[in-house]
């Protein structure tokens, strides 16, 4: 896991710097800076909207006595997507916008559920049930 994180912390910024240089040469520095600010503003708006919908869904499910499993995973995806959108960079913006888009989030939730199920099955993750 440490190696993967190290690779991410080295590789992603290097790719982002390369993309900034390419974009600055191709469309110009002012346009590149404007895009960075614009994606941050649009991303914050979308994350707030999607997050508010998810919080309302969680409240509604809890109010009716249901466990909000999917809604919690939605919230986690939206949180990560919003954080990625606030991070300057084209690659992180693409990943962040993807997590705010419900069809992509649905695929990510399926993957997350499978990973959690495998961790529970292998004993790496425990669920404590109250009587």
N, C-alpha and C. Protein backbone atom coordinates (compact mmCIF):
# COMPACT_ATOMS: atom_id res chain seq x y z
N UNK A 1 0.82 -1.19 0.00
CA UNK A 1 0.00 0.00 0.00
C UNK A 1 0.87 1.26 0.00
N UNK A 2 1.96 1.23 0.79
CA UNK A 2 2.85 2.38 0.85
C UNK A 2 3.46 2.69 -0.51
N UNK A 3 3.82 1.66 -1.24
CA UNK A 3 4.41 1.86 -2.57
C UNK A 3 3.42 2.50 -3.53
N UNK A 4 2.17 2.08 -3.44
CA UNK A 4 1.15 2.65 -4.31
C UNK A 4 0.95 4.13 -3.99
N UNK A 5 0.86 4.45 -2.69
CA UNK A 5 0.70 5.84 -2.29
C UNK A 5 1.90 6.69 -2.71
N UNK A 6 3.09 6.15 -2.55
CA UNK A 6 4.30 6.86 -2.95
C UNK A 6 4.28 7.14 -4.45
N UNK A 7 3.88 6.13 -5.21
CA UNK A 7 3.79 6.30 -6.66
C UNK A 7 2.76 7.37 -7.02
N UNK A 8 1.62 7.37 -6.33
CA UNK A 8 0.58 8.37 -6.59
C UNK A 8 1.08 9.77 -6.26
N UNK A 9 1.76 9.91 -5.11
CA UNK A 9 2.23 11.23 -4.69
C UNK A 9 3.38 11.76 -5.54
N UNK A 10 4.03 10.90 -6.28
CA UNK A 10 5.09 11.34 -7.18
C UNK A 10 4.56 11.47 -8.61
N UNK A 11 3.82 10.48 -9.05
CA UNK A 11 3.38 10.42 -10.44
C UNK A 11 2.30 11.46 -10.78
N UNK A 12 1.30 11.59 -9.93
CA UNK A 12 0.20 12.51 -10.22
C UNK A 12 0.68 13.96 -10.32
N UNK A 13 1.45 14.48 -9.36
CA UNK A 13 1.94 15.86 -9.52
C UNK A 13 2.82 16.04 -10.76
N UNK A 14 3.62 15.04 -11.10
CA UNK A 14 4.46 15.15 -12.29
C UNK A 14 3.60 15.24 -13.55
N UNK A 15 2.55 14.43 -13.62
CA UNK A 15 1.64 14.49 -14.77
C UNK A 15 0.92 15.84 -14.82
N UNK A 16 0.49 16.32 -13.65
CA UNK A 16 -0.21 17.61 -13.59
C UNK A 16 0.69 18.75 -14.06
N UNK A 17 1.94 18.75 -13.64
CA UNK A 17 2.87 19.80 -14.08
C UNK A 17 3.05 19.73 -15.60
N UNK A 18 3.21 18.54 -16.13
CA UNK A 18 3.32 18.38 -17.57
C UNK A 18 2.09 18.89 -18.30
N UNK A 19 0.90 18.58 -17.77
CA UNK A 19 -0.34 19.05 -18.39
C UNK A 19 -0.46 20.58 -18.31
N UNK A 20 -0.03 21.17 -17.18
CA UNK A 20 -0.03 22.63 -17.06
C UNK A 20 0.88 23.27 -18.10
N UNK A 21 2.06 22.71 -18.25
CA UNK A 21 3.01 23.25 -19.24
C UNK A 21 2.43 23.13 -20.64
N UNK A 22 1.89 21.96 -20.97
CA UNK A 22 1.29 21.75 -22.29
C UNK A 22 0.14 22.72 -22.53
N UNK A 23 -0.76 22.84 -21.54
CA UNK A 23 -1.91 23.73 -21.70
C UNK A 23 -1.46 25.18 -21.81
N UNK A 24 -0.46 25.57 -21.02
CA UNK A 24 0.04 26.94 -21.09
C UNK A 24 0.62 27.26 -22.45
N UNK A 25 1.29 26.31 -23.05
CA UNK A 25 1.86 26.52 -24.39
C UNK A 25 0.77 26.50 -25.46
N UNK A 26 -0.22 25.64 -25.28
CA UNK A 26 -1.24 25.44 -26.31
C UNK A 26 -2.31 26.53 -26.30
N UNK A 27 -2.87 26.84 -25.11
CA UNK A 27 -3.96 27.82 -25.04
C UNK A 27 -3.53 29.12 -24.35
N UNK A 28 -2.36 29.16 -23.78
CA UNK A 28 -1.87 30.36 -23.12
C UNK A 28 -2.00 30.28 -21.62
N UNK A 29 -1.15 31.04 -20.96
CA UNK A 29 -1.12 31.01 -19.49
C UNK A 29 -2.40 31.59 -18.88
N UNK A 30 -2.89 32.76 -19.35
CA UNK A 30 -4.12 33.29 -18.73
C UNK A 30 -5.32 32.33 -18.87
N UNK A 31 -5.46 31.71 -20.02
CA UNK A 31 -6.57 30.77 -20.21
C UNK A 31 -6.41 29.55 -19.32
N UNK A 32 -5.19 29.08 -19.16
CA UNK A 32 -4.94 27.93 -18.29
C UNK A 32 -5.30 28.26 -16.85
N UNK A 33 -4.89 29.43 -16.38
CA UNK A 33 -5.21 29.85 -15.01
C UNK A 33 -6.72 30.03 -14.86
N UNK A 34 -7.37 30.59 -15.87
CA UNK A 34 -8.83 30.76 -15.82
C UNK A 34 -9.54 29.41 -15.73
N UNK A 35 -9.06 28.44 -16.48
CA UNK A 35 -9.66 27.09 -16.43
C UNK A 35 -9.50 26.49 -15.04
N UNK A 36 -8.34 26.68 -14.44
CA UNK A 36 -8.10 26.15 -13.10
C UNK A 36 -9.10 26.74 -12.10
N UNK A 37 -9.27 28.07 -12.14
CA UNK A 37 -10.23 28.71 -11.24
C UNK A 37 -11.66 28.30 -11.55
N UNK A 38 -12.00 28.25 -12.83
CA UNK A 38 -13.36 27.90 -13.24
C UNK A 38 -13.73 26.48 -12.81
N UNK A 39 -12.84 25.53 -13.00
CA UNK A 39 -13.15 24.15 -12.59
C UNK A 39 -13.29 24.05 -11.07
N UNK A 40 -12.51 24.84 -10.34
CA UNK A 40 -12.64 24.85 -8.88
C UNK A 40 -13.99 25.39 -8.44
N UNK A 41 -14.43 26.49 -9.06
CA UNK A 41 -15.72 27.09 -8.70
C UNK A 41 -16.87 26.18 -9.09
N UNK A 42 -16.85 25.67 -10.32
CA UNK A 42 -17.92 24.77 -10.77
C UNK A 42 -17.93 23.50 -9.93
N UNK A 43 -16.75 22.98 -9.64
CA UNK A 43 -16.65 21.78 -8.82
C UNK A 43 -17.20 21.97 -7.42
N UNK A 44 -16.91 23.11 -6.80
CA UNK A 44 -17.43 23.38 -5.46
C UNK A 44 -18.96 23.47 -5.49
N UNK A 45 -19.50 24.11 -6.53
CA UNK A 45 -20.96 24.22 -6.67
C UNK A 45 -21.59 22.83 -6.83
N UNK A 46 -21.02 22.01 -7.74
CA UNK A 46 -21.57 20.67 -7.97
C UNK A 46 -21.45 19.79 -6.74
N UNK A 47 -20.30 19.87 -6.06
CA UNK A 47 -20.10 19.05 -4.86
C UNK A 47 -21.10 19.44 -3.77
N UNK A 48 -21.35 20.74 -3.63
CA UNK A 48 -22.32 21.19 -2.63
C UNK A 48 -23.72 20.69 -2.98
N UNK A 49 -24.09 20.80 -4.26
CA UNK A 49 -25.43 20.37 -4.69
C UNK A 49 -25.61 18.86 -4.49
N UNK A 50 -24.66 18.08 -4.99
CA UNK A 50 -24.74 16.62 -4.86
C UNK A 50 -24.67 16.20 -3.39
N UNK A 51 -23.81 16.87 -2.62
CA UNK A 51 -23.69 16.56 -1.20
C UNK A 51 -24.96 16.85 -0.43
N UNK A 52 -25.60 17.96 -0.74
CA UNK A 52 -26.87 18.30 -0.07
C UNK A 52 -27.94 17.28 -0.39
N UNK A 53 -28.02 16.86 -1.65
CA UNK A 53 -28.98 15.82 -2.03
C UNK A 53 -28.71 14.52 -1.27
N UNK A 54 -27.45 14.17 -1.15
CA UNK A 54 -27.08 12.93 -0.46
C UNK A 54 -27.40 13.02 1.03
N UNK A 55 -27.10 14.14 1.64
CA UNK A 55 -27.42 14.31 3.07
C UNK A 55 -28.92 14.21 3.29
N UNK A 56 -29.71 14.82 2.41
CA UNK A 56 -31.17 14.72 2.52
C UNK A 56 -31.64 13.27 2.36
N UNK A 57 -31.00 12.55 1.44
CA UNK A 57 -31.35 11.14 1.23
C UNK A 57 -31.02 10.31 2.48
N UNK A 58 -29.87 10.60 3.09
CA UNK A 58 -29.48 9.88 4.31
C UNK A 58 -30.47 10.17 5.43
N UNK A 59 -30.85 11.44 5.60
CA UNK A 59 -31.81 11.80 6.64
C UNK A 59 -33.14 11.11 6.41
N UNK A 60 -33.59 11.07 5.16
CA UNK A 60 -34.86 10.44 4.85
C UNK A 60 -34.81 8.94 5.15
N UNK A 61 -33.71 8.29 4.76
CA UNK A 61 -33.59 6.85 5.01
C UNK A 61 -33.50 6.55 6.50
N UNK A 62 -32.73 7.35 7.23
CA UNK A 62 -32.65 7.14 8.68
C UNK A 62 -33.99 7.40 9.35
N UNK A 63 -34.71 8.41 8.87
CA UNK A 63 -36.03 8.73 9.43
C UNK A 63 -37.04 7.62 9.22
N UNK A 64 -36.87 6.86 8.15
CA UNK A 64 -37.79 5.75 7.90
C UNK A 64 -37.26 4.42 8.43
N UNK A 65 -36.15 4.47 9.18
CA UNK A 65 -35.62 3.26 9.81
C UNK A 65 -34.74 2.41 8.92
N UNK A 66 -34.30 2.93 7.80
CA UNK A 66 -33.44 2.18 6.90
C UNK A 66 -31.98 2.55 7.13
N UNK A 67 -31.09 1.62 6.80
CA UNK A 67 -29.66 1.91 6.84
C UNK A 67 -29.27 2.56 5.51
N UNK A 68 -28.62 3.71 5.56
CA UNK A 68 -28.30 4.44 4.33
C UNK A 68 -26.97 4.01 3.71
N UNK A 69 -26.81 2.74 3.38
CA UNK A 69 -25.54 2.23 2.87
C UNK A 69 -25.11 2.87 1.57
N UNK A 70 -25.97 2.85 0.55
CA UNK A 70 -25.62 3.44 -0.75
C UNK A 70 -25.41 4.94 -0.63
N UNK A 71 -26.24 5.58 0.16
CA UNK A 71 -26.12 7.04 0.31
C UNK A 71 -24.81 7.41 1.00
N UNK A 72 -24.36 6.60 1.93
CA UNK A 72 -23.08 6.87 2.59
C UNK A 72 -21.93 6.71 1.60
N UNK A 73 -21.99 5.69 0.76
CA UNK A 73 -20.97 5.53 -0.28
C UNK A 73 -21.03 6.68 -1.28
N UNK A 74 -22.24 7.14 -1.60
CA UNK A 74 -22.38 8.33 -2.45
C UNK A 74 -21.68 9.53 -1.81
N UNK A 75 -21.93 9.70 -0.53
CA UNK A 75 -21.31 10.80 0.20
C UNK A 75 -19.80 10.72 0.20
N UNK A 76 -19.26 9.53 0.36
CA UNK A 76 -17.80 9.36 0.34
C UNK A 76 -17.25 9.71 -1.04
N UNK A 77 -17.93 9.26 -2.09
CA UNK A 77 -17.48 9.58 -3.46
C UNK A 77 -17.55 11.08 -3.72
N UNK A 78 -18.61 11.73 -3.25
CA UNK A 78 -18.77 13.16 -3.45
C UNK A 78 -17.69 13.92 -2.67
N UNK A 79 -17.40 13.48 -1.47
CA UNK A 79 -16.35 14.12 -0.66
C UNK A 79 -15.00 14.03 -1.36
N UNK A 80 -14.65 12.85 -1.83
CA UNK A 80 -13.38 12.67 -2.53
C UNK A 80 -13.38 13.47 -3.84
N UNK A 81 -14.50 13.44 -4.57
CA UNK A 81 -14.60 14.20 -5.81
C UNK A 81 -14.44 15.70 -5.57
N UNK A 82 -15.07 16.21 -4.54
CA UNK A 82 -14.94 17.63 -4.20
C UNK A 82 -13.52 18.00 -3.82
N UNK A 83 -12.87 17.15 -3.06
CA UNK A 83 -11.47 17.41 -2.69
C UNK A 83 -10.57 17.40 -3.92
N UNK A 84 -10.82 16.47 -4.83
CA UNK A 84 -10.02 16.43 -6.06
C UNK A 84 -10.25 17.67 -6.92
N UNK A 85 -11.47 18.19 -6.93
CA UNK A 85 -11.76 19.38 -7.73
C UNK A 85 -11.13 20.63 -7.13
N UNK A 86 -10.95 20.65 -5.83
CA UNK A 86 -10.29 21.80 -5.21
C UNK A 86 -8.77 21.74 -5.35
N UNK A 87 -8.27 20.58 -5.72
CA UNK A 87 -6.84 20.42 -5.97
C UNK A 87 -6.56 20.89 -7.40
N UNK A 88 -5.64 21.84 -7.58
CA UNK A 88 -5.39 22.32 -8.94
C UNK A 88 -4.79 21.23 -9.82
N UNK A 89 -5.34 21.10 -11.00
CA UNK A 89 -4.81 20.13 -11.96
C UNK A 89 -5.91 19.59 -12.85
N UNK A 90 -5.54 19.26 -14.07
CA UNK A 90 -6.51 18.76 -15.02
C UNK A 90 -6.87 17.30 -14.76
N UNK A 91 -5.90 16.50 -14.40
CA UNK A 91 -6.13 15.08 -14.11
C UNK A 91 -7.01 14.93 -12.88
N UNK A 92 -6.70 15.67 -11.82
CA UNK A 92 -7.51 15.60 -10.60
C UNK A 92 -8.91 16.17 -10.84
N UNK A 93 -9.01 17.20 -11.67
CA UNK A 93 -10.34 17.74 -12.00
C UNK A 93 -11.18 16.72 -12.75
N UNK A 94 -10.56 16.02 -13.69
CA UNK A 94 -11.29 14.99 -14.43
C UNK A 94 -11.79 13.90 -13.47
N UNK A 95 -10.93 13.46 -12.58
CA UNK A 95 -11.32 12.43 -11.61
C UNK A 95 -12.41 12.95 -10.68
N UNK A 96 -12.28 14.22 -10.23
CA UNK A 96 -13.28 14.80 -9.34
C UNK A 96 -14.63 14.96 -10.00
N UNK A 97 -14.65 15.49 -11.23
CA UNK A 97 -15.93 15.62 -11.95
C UNK A 97 -16.55 14.25 -12.19
N UNK A 98 -15.71 13.26 -12.47
CA UNK A 98 -16.23 11.91 -12.69
C UNK A 98 -16.95 11.38 -11.46
N UNK A 99 -16.39 11.63 -10.27
CA UNK A 99 -17.02 11.15 -9.05
C UNK A 99 -18.30 11.91 -8.71
N UNK A 100 -18.48 13.09 -9.27
CA UNK A 100 -19.71 13.83 -9.03
C UNK A 100 -20.81 13.47 -10.03
N UNK A 101 -20.45 12.74 -11.06
CA UNK A 101 -21.39 12.33 -12.10
C UNK A 101 -22.03 11.01 -11.67
N UNK A 102 -23.36 10.98 -11.40
CA UNK A 102 -24.00 9.79 -10.83
C UNK A 102 -23.75 8.46 -11.55
N UNK A 103 -23.75 8.37 -12.90
CA UNK A 103 -23.48 7.07 -13.52
C UNK A 103 -22.07 6.54 -13.22
N UNK A 104 -21.10 7.42 -13.18
CA UNK A 104 -19.73 7.00 -12.83
C UNK A 104 -19.68 6.60 -11.37
N UNK A 105 -20.36 7.38 -10.52
CA UNK A 105 -20.39 7.08 -9.09
C UNK A 105 -21.02 5.71 -8.84
N UNK A 106 -22.00 5.33 -9.65
CA UNK A 106 -22.65 4.03 -9.50
C UNK A 106 -21.63 2.90 -9.72
N UNK A 107 -20.80 3.04 -10.75
CA UNK A 107 -19.77 2.04 -11.04
C UNK A 107 -18.74 2.00 -9.90
N UNK A 108 -18.35 3.17 -9.40
CA UNK A 108 -17.38 3.23 -8.30
C UNK A 108 -17.97 2.58 -7.05
N UNK A 109 -19.27 2.80 -6.80
CA UNK A 109 -19.90 2.19 -5.63
C UNK A 109 -19.92 0.67 -5.74
N UNK A 110 -20.16 0.15 -6.94
CA UNK A 110 -20.12 -1.31 -7.13
C UNK A 110 -18.73 -1.84 -6.82
N UNK A 111 -17.71 -1.13 -7.30
CA UNK A 111 -16.32 -1.53 -7.03
C UNK A 111 -16.02 -1.46 -5.53
N UNK A 112 -16.45 -0.37 -4.87
CA UNK A 112 -16.20 -0.22 -3.43
C UNK A 112 -16.90 -1.33 -2.63
N UNK A 113 -18.13 -1.64 -3.01
CA UNK A 113 -18.86 -2.72 -2.31
C UNK A 113 -18.13 -4.04 -2.45
N UNK A 114 -17.63 -4.32 -3.64
CA UNK A 114 -16.89 -5.57 -3.86
C UNK A 114 -15.62 -5.60 -3.02
N UNK A 115 -14.90 -4.47 -2.96
CA UNK A 115 -13.68 -4.41 -2.14
C UNK A 115 -14.00 -4.61 -0.66
N UNK A 116 -15.06 -3.94 -0.19
CA UNK A 116 -15.45 -4.09 1.22
C UNK A 116 -15.89 -5.51 1.51
N UNK A 117 -16.64 -6.11 0.61
CA UNK A 117 -17.09 -7.49 0.80
C UNK A 117 -15.89 -8.44 0.90
N UNK A 118 -14.91 -8.25 0.02
CA UNK A 118 -13.72 -9.11 0.06
C UNK A 118 -12.93 -8.92 1.35
N UNK A 119 -12.86 -7.69 1.85
CA UNK A 119 -12.16 -7.44 3.11
C UNK A 119 -12.90 -8.07 4.28
N UNK A 120 -14.23 -7.99 4.26
CA UNK A 120 -15.02 -8.62 5.32
C UNK A 120 -14.86 -10.14 5.26
N UNK A 121 -14.93 -10.68 4.06
CA UNK A 121 -14.83 -12.13 3.86
C UNK A 121 -13.46 -12.66 4.30
N UNK A 122 -12.40 -11.88 4.06
CA UNK A 122 -11.05 -12.34 4.42
C UNK A 122 -10.71 -12.03 5.88
N UNK A 123 -11.59 -11.33 6.60
CA UNK A 123 -11.35 -11.06 8.00
C UNK A 123 -10.53 -9.80 8.25
N UNK A 124 -10.28 -9.00 7.23
CA UNK A 124 -9.52 -7.76 7.40
C UNK A 124 -10.39 -6.60 7.88
N UNK A 125 -11.70 -6.79 7.82
CA UNK A 125 -12.64 -5.74 8.17
C UNK A 125 -13.78 -6.40 8.93
N UNK A 126 -14.15 -5.83 10.07
CA UNK A 126 -15.18 -6.43 10.90
C UNK A 126 -16.39 -5.53 10.99
N UNK A 127 -17.55 -6.16 11.05
CA UNK A 127 -18.78 -5.43 11.31
C UNK A 127 -19.29 -5.88 12.66
N UNK A 128 -19.48 -4.92 13.53
CA UNK A 128 -19.97 -5.23 14.88
C UNK A 128 -21.47 -4.91 14.89
N UNK A 129 -22.25 -5.90 15.21
CA UNK A 129 -23.70 -5.73 15.24
C UNK A 129 -24.15 -5.58 16.67
N UNK A 130 -25.03 -4.66 16.88
CA UNK A 130 -25.59 -4.45 18.22
C UNK A 130 -26.80 -5.37 18.37
N UNK A 131 -26.97 -5.94 19.56
CA UNK A 131 -28.13 -6.83 19.77
C UNK A 131 -29.44 -6.09 19.82
